[in-house]
């Protein structure tokens, strides 16, 4: 009985807003929520530090991050794949 096990780890897709640190990228996640009283759709943002072992993700890239064990005081996400490369200006 070998069934494929589904992962319980959360995955998020967001934009790299900083790649200055060694082996770490800062990813901004945007989500749209409705205001509880006024009903207006608002954009809420959250920033996460994600582990980038090879330093392959650059500023402006859209990447997927996956939850992991704590790697440092603020870092418990790992960058898993590139969704879209940043546009060259």
N, C-alpha and C. Protein backbone atom coordinates (compact mmCIF):
# COMPACT_ATOMS: atom_id res chain seq x y z
N UNK A 1 0.83 -1.17 0.00
CA UNK A 1 0.00 0.00 0.00
C UNK A 1 0.88 1.25 0.00
N UNK A 2 1.25 1.73 -1.17
CA UNK A 2 2.10 2.92 -1.27
C UNK A 2 1.29 4.05 -1.89
N UNK A 3 0.71 4.87 -1.03
CA UNK A 3 -0.07 6.01 -1.50
C UNK A 3 0.77 7.27 -1.40
N UNK A 4 0.52 8.21 -2.32
CA UNK A 4 1.23 9.48 -2.28
C UNK A 4 0.73 10.29 -1.08
N UNK A 5 1.67 10.71 -0.24
CA UNK A 5 1.31 11.46 0.96
C UNK A 5 1.27 12.95 0.64
N UNK A 6 0.16 13.61 0.99
CA UNK A 6 0.05 15.04 0.73
C UNK A 6 0.80 15.80 1.82
N UNK A 7 1.45 16.88 1.42
CA UNK A 7 2.24 17.67 2.37
C UNK A 7 1.34 18.54 3.22
N UNK A 8 1.64 18.63 4.50
CA UNK A 8 0.87 19.47 5.41
C UNK A 8 1.48 20.87 5.52
N UNK A 9 2.58 21.11 4.81
CA UNK A 9 3.25 22.39 4.87
C UNK A 9 2.54 23.42 3.99
N UNK A 10 2.42 24.65 4.50
CA UNK A 10 1.78 25.71 3.73
C UNK A 10 2.72 26.21 2.64
N UNK A 11 2.16 26.59 1.51
CA UNK A 11 2.94 27.23 0.45
C UNK A 11 2.28 28.56 0.11
N UNK A 12 3.11 29.56 -0.15
CA UNK A 12 2.63 30.89 -0.51
C UNK A 12 3.40 31.36 -1.74
N UNK A 13 2.79 32.25 -2.52
CA UNK A 13 3.44 32.82 -3.69
C UNK A 13 3.52 34.33 -3.49
N UNK A 14 4.72 34.88 -3.66
CA UNK A 14 4.90 36.31 -3.45
C UNK A 14 6.08 36.86 -4.21
N UNK A 15 6.31 38.16 -4.04
CA UNK A 15 7.34 38.88 -4.77
C UNK A 15 8.55 39.13 -3.87
N UNK A 16 9.75 38.93 -4.43
CA UNK A 16 10.98 39.18 -3.69
C UNK A 16 11.19 40.70 -3.62
N UNK A 17 11.24 41.24 -2.38
CA UNK A 17 11.43 42.68 -2.21
C UNK A 17 12.84 43.02 -1.71
N UNK A 18 13.59 42.02 -1.26
CA UNK A 18 14.97 42.25 -0.84
C UNK A 18 15.78 40.96 -1.00
N UNK A 19 16.98 41.11 -1.58
CA UNK A 19 17.89 39.96 -1.71
C UNK A 19 19.29 40.34 -1.22
N UNK A 20 19.36 41.29 -0.29
CA UNK A 20 20.65 41.80 0.18
C UNK A 20 21.35 40.84 1.14
N UNK A 21 20.60 40.08 1.92
CA UNK A 21 21.22 39.19 2.90
C UNK A 21 21.76 37.93 2.25
N UNK A 22 22.74 37.33 2.91
CA UNK A 22 23.36 36.11 2.41
C UNK A 22 22.43 34.92 2.66
N UNK A 23 22.07 34.19 1.60
CA UNK A 23 21.22 33.00 1.65
C UNK A 23 19.80 33.28 2.16
N UNK A 24 19.35 34.53 2.09
CA UNK A 24 18.01 34.89 2.55
C UNK A 24 17.38 35.88 1.58
N UNK A 25 16.10 35.68 1.29
CA UNK A 25 15.33 36.67 0.52
C UNK A 25 14.12 37.07 1.35
N UNK A 26 13.69 38.31 1.19
CA UNK A 26 12.47 38.78 1.84
C UNK A 26 11.37 38.76 0.79
N UNK A 27 10.27 38.07 1.11
CA UNK A 27 9.18 37.89 0.17
C UNK A 27 7.93 38.59 0.71
N UNK A 28 7.29 39.40 -0.14
CA UNK A 28 6.07 40.10 0.26
C UNK A 28 4.87 39.35 -0.33
N UNK A 29 3.95 38.95 0.56
CA UNK A 29 2.74 38.25 0.17
C UNK A 29 1.58 39.23 0.24
N UNK A 30 0.81 39.35 -0.83
CA UNK A 30 -0.37 40.22 -0.82
C UNK A 30 -1.62 39.37 -0.82
N UNK A 31 -2.58 39.75 0.01
CA UNK A 31 -3.87 39.05 0.00
C UNK A 31 -4.98 40.08 0.05
N UNK A 32 -6.07 39.77 -0.59
CA UNK A 32 -7.21 40.68 -0.65
C UNK A 32 -8.25 40.24 0.36
N UNK A 33 -8.64 41.18 1.24
CA UNK A 33 -9.65 40.89 2.26
C UNK A 33 -10.72 41.97 2.23
N UNK A 34 -11.92 41.58 2.60
CA UNK A 34 -13.01 42.53 2.65
C UNK A 34 -13.07 43.15 4.05
N UNK A 35 -13.23 44.46 4.10
CA UNK A 35 -13.34 45.15 5.38
C UNK A 35 -14.62 44.70 6.08
N UNK A 36 -14.53 44.34 7.38
CA UNK A 36 -15.70 43.76 8.06
C UNK A 36 -16.90 44.70 8.16
N UNK A 37 -16.68 46.00 8.24
CA UNK A 37 -17.80 46.95 8.38
C UNK A 37 -18.17 47.58 7.05
N UNK A 38 -17.19 48.10 6.32
CA UNK A 38 -17.48 48.89 5.12
C UNK A 38 -17.59 48.07 3.84
N UNK A 39 -17.11 46.83 3.85
CA UNK A 39 -17.26 45.97 2.69
C UNK A 39 -16.28 46.25 1.57
N UNK A 40 -15.39 47.20 1.74
CA UNK A 40 -14.41 47.53 0.71
C UNK A 40 -13.31 46.47 0.69
N UNK A 41 -12.87 46.10 -0.51
CA UNK A 41 -11.79 45.14 -0.64
C UNK A 41 -10.47 45.88 -0.41
N UNK A 42 -9.67 45.37 0.52
CA UNK A 42 -8.38 45.98 0.84
C UNK A 42 -7.27 44.98 0.57
N UNK A 43 -6.08 45.50 0.33
CA UNK A 43 -4.92 44.63 0.13
C UNK A 43 -4.09 44.64 1.40
N UNK A 44 -3.91 43.47 2.00
CA UNK A 44 -3.07 43.33 3.19
C UNK A 44 -1.77 42.67 2.74
N UNK A 45 -0.65 43.14 3.28
CA UNK A 45 0.64 42.58 2.90
C UNK A 45 1.34 42.01 4.13
N UNK A 46 2.11 40.96 3.92
CA UNK A 46 2.94 40.35 4.96
C UNK A 46 4.30 40.07 4.34
N UNK A 47 5.35 40.25 5.13
CA UNK A 47 6.71 39.96 4.65
C UNK A 47 7.25 38.75 5.41
N UNK A 48 7.86 37.85 4.67
CA UNK A 48 8.47 36.66 5.24
C UNK A 48 9.92 36.57 4.79
N UNK A 49 10.79 36.08 5.67
CA UNK A 49 12.17 35.80 5.30
C UNK A 49 12.23 34.33 4.88
N UNK A 50 12.78 34.07 3.70
CA UNK A 50 12.85 32.71 3.18
C UNK A 50 14.30 32.34 2.88
N UNK A 51 14.62 31.08 3.10
CA UNK A 51 15.98 30.58 2.88
C UNK A 51 16.20 30.34 1.39
N UNK A 52 17.29 30.90 0.86
CA UNK A 52 17.66 30.77 -0.55
C UNK A 52 19.12 30.31 -0.58
N UNK A 53 19.33 29.01 -0.58
CA UNK A 53 20.66 28.43 -0.40
C UNK A 53 21.67 28.92 -1.43
N UNK A 54 21.28 28.96 -2.71
CA UNK A 54 22.23 29.29 -3.77
C UNK A 54 22.19 30.76 -4.19
N UNK A 55 21.32 31.55 -3.61
CA UNK A 55 21.22 32.97 -3.98
C UNK A 55 20.71 33.16 -5.40
N UNK A 56 19.80 32.29 -5.84
CA UNK A 56 19.35 32.33 -7.23
C UNK A 56 18.18 33.28 -7.48
N UNK A 57 17.47 33.71 -6.44
CA UNK A 57 16.30 34.58 -6.62
C UNK A 57 16.70 36.03 -6.42
N UNK A 58 16.26 36.88 -7.34
CA UNK A 58 16.66 38.28 -7.34
C UNK A 58 15.45 39.18 -7.10
N UNK A 59 15.72 40.46 -6.90
CA UNK A 59 14.71 41.47 -6.64
C UNK A 59 13.66 41.49 -7.75
N UNK A 60 12.39 41.42 -7.40
CA UNK A 60 11.30 41.48 -8.39
C UNK A 60 10.79 40.13 -8.86
N UNK A 61 11.53 39.05 -8.58
CA UNK A 61 11.07 37.71 -8.97
C UNK A 61 9.83 37.33 -8.17
N UNK A 62 8.94 36.57 -8.80
CA UNK A 62 7.79 36.01 -8.09
C UNK A 62 8.13 34.55 -7.82
N UNK A 63 8.15 34.17 -6.53
CA UNK A 63 8.57 32.84 -6.15
C UNK A 63 7.55 32.19 -5.22
N UNK A 64 7.70 30.88 -5.07
CA UNK A 64 6.87 30.11 -4.14
C UNK A 64 7.72 29.77 -2.92
N UNK A 65 7.16 29.97 -1.72
CA UNK A 65 7.87 29.62 -0.49
C UNK A 65 7.07 28.57 0.27
N UNK A 66 7.77 27.69 0.98
CA UNK A 66 7.16 26.60 1.73
C UNK A 66 7.59 26.68 3.18
N UNK A 67 6.67 26.40 4.07
CA UNK A 67 6.93 26.40 5.50
C UNK A 67 7.97 25.33 5.84
N UNK A 68 8.84 25.63 6.83
CA UNK A 68 9.84 24.65 7.25
C UNK A 68 10.12 24.83 8.73
N UNK A 69 11.06 24.07 9.24
CA UNK A 69 11.46 24.23 10.64
C UNK A 69 12.16 25.57 10.79
N UNK A 70 12.23 26.13 12.00
CA UNK A 70 12.93 27.40 12.17
C UNK A 70 14.41 27.29 11.80
N UNK A 71 14.84 28.14 10.88
CA UNK A 71 16.24 28.14 10.44
C UNK A 71 17.04 29.23 11.14
N UNK A 72 16.37 30.25 11.63
CA UNK A 72 17.00 31.30 12.43
C UNK A 72 15.89 31.96 13.23
N UNK A 73 16.21 33.08 13.87
CA UNK A 73 15.22 33.76 14.70
C UNK A 73 13.99 34.19 13.90
N UNK A 74 14.18 34.68 12.69
CA UNK A 74 13.06 35.20 11.89
C UNK A 74 12.76 34.37 10.64
N UNK A 75 13.54 33.34 10.38
CA UNK A 75 13.42 32.62 9.11
C UNK A 75 12.90 31.20 9.31
N UNK A 76 11.65 30.95 8.88
CA UNK A 76 11.13 29.58 8.90
C UNK A 76 10.35 29.26 7.62
N UNK A 77 10.81 29.80 6.51
CA UNK A 77 10.29 29.49 5.18
C UNK A 77 11.46 29.18 4.26
N UNK A 78 11.22 28.36 3.24
CA UNK A 78 12.25 28.02 2.26
C UNK A 78 11.71 28.34 0.87
N UNK A 79 12.52 29.02 0.07
CA UNK A 79 12.14 29.33 -1.32
C UNK A 79 12.23 28.03 -2.12
N UNK A 80 11.11 27.63 -2.75
CA UNK A 80 11.09 26.34 -3.42
C UNK A 80 11.19 26.43 -4.94
N UNK A 81 10.49 27.39 -5.57
CA UNK A 81 10.57 27.44 -7.04
C UNK A 81 10.29 28.85 -7.53
N UNK A 82 10.80 29.11 -8.73
CA UNK A 82 10.59 30.38 -9.41
C UNK A 82 9.29 30.31 -10.20
N UNK A 83 8.38 31.23 -9.95
CA UNK A 83 7.11 31.26 -10.70
C UNK A 83 7.27 32.15 -11.91
N UNK A 84 7.85 33.35 -11.72
CA UNK A 84 8.03 34.29 -12.82
C UNK A 84 9.28 35.12 -12.59
N UNK A 85 10.11 35.23 -13.61
CA UNK A 85 11.33 36.01 -13.51
C UNK A 85 10.99 37.50 -13.57
N UNK A 86 11.80 38.32 -12.91
CA UNK A 86 11.58 39.77 -12.91
C UNK A 86 11.81 40.34 -14.31
N UNK A 87 11.00 41.32 -14.67
CA UNK A 87 11.15 41.96 -15.98
C UNK A 87 12.41 42.82 -15.98
N UNK A 88 13.21 42.74 -17.05
CA UNK A 88 14.42 43.53 -17.17
C UNK A 88 14.05 44.91 -17.69
N UNK A 89 14.48 45.93 -16.95
CA UNK A 89 14.12 47.30 -17.33
C UNK A 89 15.22 47.89 -18.18
